[in-house]
Protein backbone atom coordinates (compact mmCIF):
# COMPACT_ATOMS: atom_id res chain seq x y z
CA MET A 1 -19.26 40.34 -9.48
CA THR A 2 -18.43 37.60 -6.94
CA ASP A 3 -16.76 34.34 -7.81
CA ARG A 4 -19.56 31.78 -7.56
CA ALA A 5 -17.60 28.82 -8.95
CA PRO A 6 -17.79 25.77 -6.67
CA LYS A 7 -14.50 24.83 -5.03
CA GLY A 8 -12.69 21.83 -3.63
CA TYR A 9 -9.50 19.78 -3.71
CA SER A 10 -11.51 16.86 -5.11
CA LEU A 11 -15.10 16.06 -6.05
CA PRO A 12 -17.70 16.86 -4.87
CA LEU A 13 -17.24 20.62 -5.34
CA SER A 14 -19.26 23.08 -3.26
CA PRO A 15 -19.42 26.84 -2.55
CA SER A 16 -17.10 26.54 0.49
CA GLY A 17 -14.98 23.64 -0.79
CA ARG A 18 -15.58 21.70 2.42
CA SER A 19 -17.55 18.94 0.68
CA SER A 20 -14.50 17.46 -1.07
CA MET A 21 -14.02 13.76 -0.41
CA LEU A 22 -10.26 14.38 -0.17
CA THR A 23 -8.51 17.08 1.80
CA ALA A 24 -5.35 18.54 0.31
CA PRO A 25 -2.06 16.95 1.43
CA PRO A 26 -0.11 16.57 3.61
CA TRP A 27 -1.70 13.42 5.01
CA HIS A 28 -0.35 11.72 8.13
CA PHE A 29 -0.54 7.94 8.65
CA SER A 30 0.16 5.62 11.59
CA GLY A 31 -0.57 1.92 11.60
CA ASP A 32 0.14 -1.68 12.55
CA VAL A 33 1.62 -3.84 9.79
CA LEU A 34 1.75 -7.58 9.12
CA MET A 35 4.14 -8.25 6.22
CA VAL A 36 5.33 -11.47 4.56
CA ASP A 37 8.36 -11.61 2.26
CA TYR A 38 8.03 -14.08 -0.59
CA ARG A 39 9.20 -14.81 -4.11
CA VAL A 40 7.26 -15.00 -7.37
CA ASP A 41 8.23 -16.22 -10.81
CA PRO A 42 10.52 -13.43 -12.14
CA GLU A 43 8.90 -13.47 -15.58
CA ALA A 44 5.45 -13.12 -14.04
CA ALA A 45 6.62 -10.18 -11.92
CA ALA A 46 8.19 -8.47 -14.95
CA ALA A 47 4.89 -8.71 -16.83
CA PHE A 48 3.32 -6.38 -14.24
CA LEU A 49 5.98 -3.66 -14.72
CA PRO A 50 5.64 -0.76 -17.17
CA PRO A 51 8.49 -0.50 -19.71
CA GLU A 52 10.23 2.27 -17.76
CA LEU A 53 10.82 -0.08 -14.82
CA SER A 54 13.16 -3.08 -14.72
CA PRO A 55 13.03 -6.07 -12.36
CA GLY A 56 16.28 -4.75 -10.89
CA ARG A 57 18.90 -6.59 -8.89
CA ASP A 58 16.51 -9.00 -7.16
CA PRO A 59 13.95 -10.23 -9.75
CA GLY A 60 11.01 -12.02 -8.20
CA ALA A 61 11.27 -10.45 -4.73
CA ALA A 62 7.77 -9.70 -3.44
CA ALA A 63 5.81 -8.97 -0.28
CA ALA A 64 2.23 -9.31 0.93
CA VAL A 65 1.21 -6.55 3.33
CA PHE A 66 -1.72 -6.24 5.71
CA ALA A 67 -2.14 -2.97 7.61
CA GLN A 68 -4.60 -1.28 9.94
CA TRP A 69 -4.24 2.48 9.55
CA GLN A 70 -5.25 5.69 11.23
CA TRP A 71 -4.83 8.89 9.21
CA THR A 72 -5.40 12.61 9.54
CA SER A 73 -5.04 15.83 7.61
CA ASP A 74 -2.69 18.50 8.91
CA ASP A 75 -5.32 19.95 11.27
CA GLY A 76 -6.09 16.58 12.88
CA ALA A 77 -9.85 16.94 12.30
CA GLU A 78 -10.35 13.33 11.20
CA LEU A 79 -9.22 12.02 14.59
CA GLU A 80 -12.49 13.31 16.08
CA ASP A 81 -14.33 10.72 13.94
CA PRO A 82 -12.65 7.30 14.22
CA GLN A 83 -14.87 5.76 11.54
CA ARG A 84 -13.50 8.30 9.07
CA ALA A 85 -9.90 8.12 10.28
CA GLN A 86 -9.40 4.33 10.34
CA PHE A 87 -9.23 1.73 7.58
CA GLY A 88 -7.73 -1.62 6.65
CA GLU A 89 -5.50 -2.37 3.67
CA PHE A 90 -3.93 -5.30 1.84
CA LEU A 91 -1.46 -4.99 -1.01
CA ILE A 92 1.15 -6.86 -3.02
CA LEU A 93 4.62 -5.36 -3.59
CA LEU A 94 7.11 -6.31 -6.32
CA ALA A 95 10.78 -5.29 -6.34
CA CYS A 96 11.83 -3.12 -9.30
CA GLU A 97 14.18 -0.30 -10.34
CA PHE A 98 14.05 2.95 -12.27
CA GLU A 99 17.43 4.03 -13.68
CA GLY A 100 19.18 2.29 -10.79
CA GLU A 101 16.87 3.65 -8.07
CA GLN A 102 15.42 0.79 -6.04
CA LEU A 103 11.63 0.93 -5.92
CA ALA A 104 8.61 -1.29 -5.37
CA ARG A 105 5.54 -1.71 -7.56
CA CYS A 106 2.04 -2.36 -6.23
CA PRO A 107 0.03 -4.31 -8.85
CA TYR A 108 -2.91 -5.03 -6.50
CA ALA A 109 -4.33 -3.31 -3.43
CA TRP A 110 -7.57 -3.41 -1.48
CA VAL A 111 -8.99 -1.09 1.19
CA ASP A 112 -12.26 -1.08 3.13
CA ARG A 113 -13.18 2.62 3.01
CA ALA A 114 -14.05 5.00 0.17
CA VAL A 115 -11.66 7.85 1.05
CA PRO A 116 -8.45 5.76 0.91
CA LEU A 117 -9.68 4.16 -2.31
CA VAL A 118 -10.12 7.54 -4.04
CA ARG A 119 -6.89 8.85 -2.53
CA GLY A 120 -5.10 5.81 -3.90
CA TRP A 121 -6.42 6.44 -7.41
CA LEU A 122 -5.18 10.03 -7.19
CA GLN A 123 -1.69 8.66 -6.48
CA GLY A 124 -1.95 5.93 -9.11
CA MET A 125 -2.33 3.06 -6.61
CA PRO A 126 -4.72 0.38 -7.94
CA LYS A 127 -7.06 0.39 -4.93
CA GLN A 128 -10.22 -1.74 -4.91
CA PHE A 129 -12.78 -2.49 -2.21
CA GLY A 130 -12.21 -5.52 -0.01
CA GLU A 131 -12.77 -6.89 3.49
CA ILE A 132 -9.48 -6.85 5.39
CA HIS A 133 -9.02 -8.46 8.80
CA GLN A 134 -5.90 -8.60 10.92
CA THR A 135 -4.97 -9.94 14.36
CA ARG A 136 -4.57 -7.16 16.92
CA PRO A 137 -1.73 -7.31 19.45
CA MET A 138 -2.84 -7.20 23.09
CA SER A 139 -0.91 -6.29 26.21
CA VAL A 140 -3.28 -7.98 28.70
CA GLY A 141 -5.40 -11.11 28.81
CA ARG A 142 -5.52 -14.19 26.62
CA ALA A 143 -7.66 -12.88 23.73
CA GLY A 144 -4.74 -11.64 21.67
CA PRO A 145 -1.05 -12.32 21.01
CA ARG A 146 1.91 -10.33 22.31
CA ILE A 147 4.65 -8.72 20.23
CA ALA A 148 7.09 -11.25 21.66
CA PRO A 149 8.54 -14.68 20.83
CA GLY A 150 5.71 -17.08 20.05
CA GLY A 151 3.17 -14.37 19.21
CA ARG A 152 1.12 -15.46 16.21
CA PHE A 153 -0.53 -12.90 13.93
CA ALA A 154 -2.79 -13.52 10.94
CA GLY A 155 -4.48 -11.54 8.19
CA SER A 156 -7.06 -12.21 5.49
CA VAL A 157 -8.66 -10.35 2.59
CA SER A 158 -11.91 -11.17 0.80
CA VAL A 159 -13.38 -9.53 -2.29
CA LEU A 160 -17.13 -9.80 -2.99
CA GLY A 161 -17.31 -12.76 -0.63
CA ARG A 162 -14.33 -14.57 -2.19
CA ARG A 163 -11.22 -15.23 -0.09
CA VAL A 164 -8.27 -13.78 -2.02
CA ALA A 165 -5.32 -14.11 0.35
CA GLU A 166 -4.39 -15.06 3.89
CA ALA A 167 -1.17 -14.97 5.87
CA ALA A 168 0.17 -15.84 9.31
CA VAL A 169 3.40 -15.03 11.16
CA THR A 170 4.79 -16.64 14.31
CA LEU A 171 7.25 -14.22 15.88
CA ARG A 172 10.72 -15.45 16.84
CA ALA A 173 12.96 -12.44 17.51
CA GLU A 174 13.45 -8.73 16.99
CA SER A 175 15.02 -7.83 13.63
CA PRO A 176 17.95 -5.43 13.20
CA GLU A 177 16.24 -3.46 10.40
CA PRO A 178 12.89 -3.12 8.59
CA PRO A 179 12.09 -5.41 5.64
CA HIS A 180 13.60 -4.08 2.41
CA LEU A 181 10.44 -3.62 0.34
CA HIS A 182 9.06 -1.41 3.07
CA THR A 183 11.98 1.03 2.90
CA VAL A 184 11.88 1.98 -0.79
CA PRO A 185 9.50 4.31 -2.69
CA LEU A 186 6.57 2.91 -4.65
CA ALA A 187 6.26 3.53 -8.39
CA HIS A 188 2.70 4.10 -9.62
CA ASN A 189 0.99 4.91 -12.90
CA ARG A 190 -1.53 7.75 -12.62
CA VAL A 191 -4.02 6.66 -15.28
CA THR A 192 -6.75 8.74 -16.91
CA PRO A 193 -8.69 6.63 -19.44
CA PRO A 194 -10.30 8.34 -22.44
CA TRP A 195 -13.76 9.81 -21.90
CA LEU A 196 -14.12 12.61 -24.43
CA THR A 197 -14.38 11.90 -28.16
CA ASP A 198 -10.94 11.24 -29.68
CA GLU A 199 -9.25 11.80 -26.31
CA GLU A 200 -5.95 9.99 -25.70
CA PRO A 201 -5.46 8.07 -22.45
CA VAL A 202 -2.90 9.42 -20.00
CA SER A 203 -0.51 7.26 -17.97
CA GLN A 204 2.12 9.06 -15.90
CA LEU A 205 4.80 7.18 -13.96
CA VAL A 206 5.26 8.73 -10.51
CA ALA A 207 6.56 8.12 -7.01
CA SER A 208 5.29 9.77 -3.84
CA THR A 209 7.17 12.15 -1.57
CA VAL A 210 7.07 11.30 2.13
CA ASP A 211 8.84 12.30 5.33
CA GLY A 212 8.32 11.78 9.05
CA VAL A 213 9.01 8.06 8.64
CA GLU A 214 9.06 6.13 11.93
CA PHE A 215 9.32 2.42 12.71
CA SER A 216 8.63 0.62 15.95
CA PRO A 217 10.92 -2.32 16.71
CA VAL A 218 10.38 -4.93 13.98
CA TRP A 219 9.68 -8.50 15.08
CA SER A 220 10.14 -11.32 12.57
CA GLY A 221 9.50 -15.03 12.38
CA ASP A 222 8.14 -17.96 10.42
CA ALA A 223 5.51 -17.08 7.83
CA GLU A 224 2.70 -18.70 5.86
CA LEU A 225 1.09 -17.12 2.79
CA THR A 226 -1.66 -18.25 0.42
CA LEU A 227 -2.93 -16.45 -2.66
CA PHE A 228 -5.99 -18.44 -3.70
CA ASP A 229 -6.39 -19.84 -7.20
CA GLY A 230 -9.57 -20.51 -9.13
CA LEU A 231 -10.61 -16.86 -8.87
CA PRO A 232 -13.03 -15.25 -11.35
CA ALA A 233 -11.79 -13.51 -14.49
CA ASP A 234 -11.36 -10.07 -12.91
CA LEU A 235 -8.90 -11.53 -10.38
CA ALA A 236 -7.37 -14.34 -12.44
CA ASP A 237 -4.10 -12.47 -13.11
CA LEU A 238 -3.47 -12.33 -9.36
CA GLU A 239 -2.72 -16.06 -9.55
CA LEU A 240 0.43 -15.21 -11.54
CA LEU A 241 1.86 -13.68 -8.37
CA ALA A 242 1.36 -16.76 -6.19
CA PRO A 243 4.36 -17.68 -4.00
CA VAL A 244 7.15 -19.79 -5.43
CA SER A 245 8.63 -19.70 -1.92
CA VAL A 246 7.81 -17.91 1.33
CA GLY A 247 10.39 -16.12 3.46
CA GLN A 248 10.05 -14.43 6.82
CA GLY A 249 7.11 -12.53 8.20
CA HIS A 250 7.24 -9.27 10.15
CA CYS A 251 5.10 -7.30 12.60
CA PHE A 252 5.71 -3.63 13.34
CA SER A 253 4.13 -0.21 13.62
CA TYR A 254 4.87 2.46 11.04
CA ALA A 255 4.22 6.16 10.44
CA GLU A 256 4.79 8.62 7.61
CA THR A 257 3.56 11.91 6.15
CA LEU A 258 2.63 12.01 2.46
CA HIS A 259 3.17 15.36 0.73
CA GLY A 260 2.45 14.58 -2.92
CA GLY A 261 4.19 13.02 -5.90
CA ARG A 262 7.24 13.33 -8.13
CA PRO A 263 7.42 12.27 -11.79
CA LEU A 264 9.75 9.45 -12.74
CA LEU A 265 11.31 10.98 -15.85
CA PRO A 266 14.60 10.14 -17.57
CA GLY A 267 17.42 11.45 -15.40
CA SER A 268 15.20 11.97 -12.34
CA ALA A 269 16.11 8.85 -10.35
CA GLU A 270 17.19 9.49 -6.77
CA THR A 271 20.50 8.09 -5.56
CA THR A 272 19.13 6.91 -2.20
CA SER A 273 15.80 5.39 -1.20
CA THR A 274 15.02 5.58 2.51
CA ASN A 275 11.23 5.74 2.66
CA ASN A 276 8.12 4.72 0.83
CA ASP A 277 4.47 5.48 0.28
CA TRP A 278 2.86 2.06 0.36
CA GLY A 279 0.99 2.84 3.51
CA THR A 280 -0.84 5.85 2.08
CA PRO A 281 -4.01 4.61 0.43
């Protein structure tokens, strides 16, 4: 008797397994990033952390990140279909720690394609749909800025027609190192709400495992950031993370390969943190 069970890494399942929305990892990502360092009220930031995480040594440190990504599975098949392989993203990062390991927490994130949204939920990233726009660097002509002193880059995100956030960076000089919240792992909660009768919800604290991290030269400069207030109830808590002050902004390209996750259990903290997973929606 043959095995007729439908197959797949994710839904939808099919006889061959090729219909899955998600391919199995590893997933490779390359993209252009616009990032603004800022500070939030430390008590507000702590309210977004699960009890296993502490605000750490720099309470209130935060970042707003716009990115335009291209991704592929290990066989590179997605690169034959740019509409499938490309997407935009915006997310908020908060500094935190787990047993002394420096991490970042992503309380809000938006993407503009279905595959990165579902992939984010698999990881525990709180992805939602949004419209993300970002200035593209240009090497010729006058219709785009250069990655050079005076280059000005902007980003915006809207949700259901409502402007949620916007940022702008005017580049001044090349930086000696990447911004800190980009160089640490992200801590997520993989959440499964109850569906069956008497079922208990599941929430598992995890971090992702990445390698192949690459940075272009990082250019930094003066930054502007607005998180809009007066939002509807489903976005009202975002106002708690509005800037108390705004630091520098950064433009750079970034790449990584995401292999899967690791549980954040007592005694499992890593002693060094040299990469992250924020760019893997």
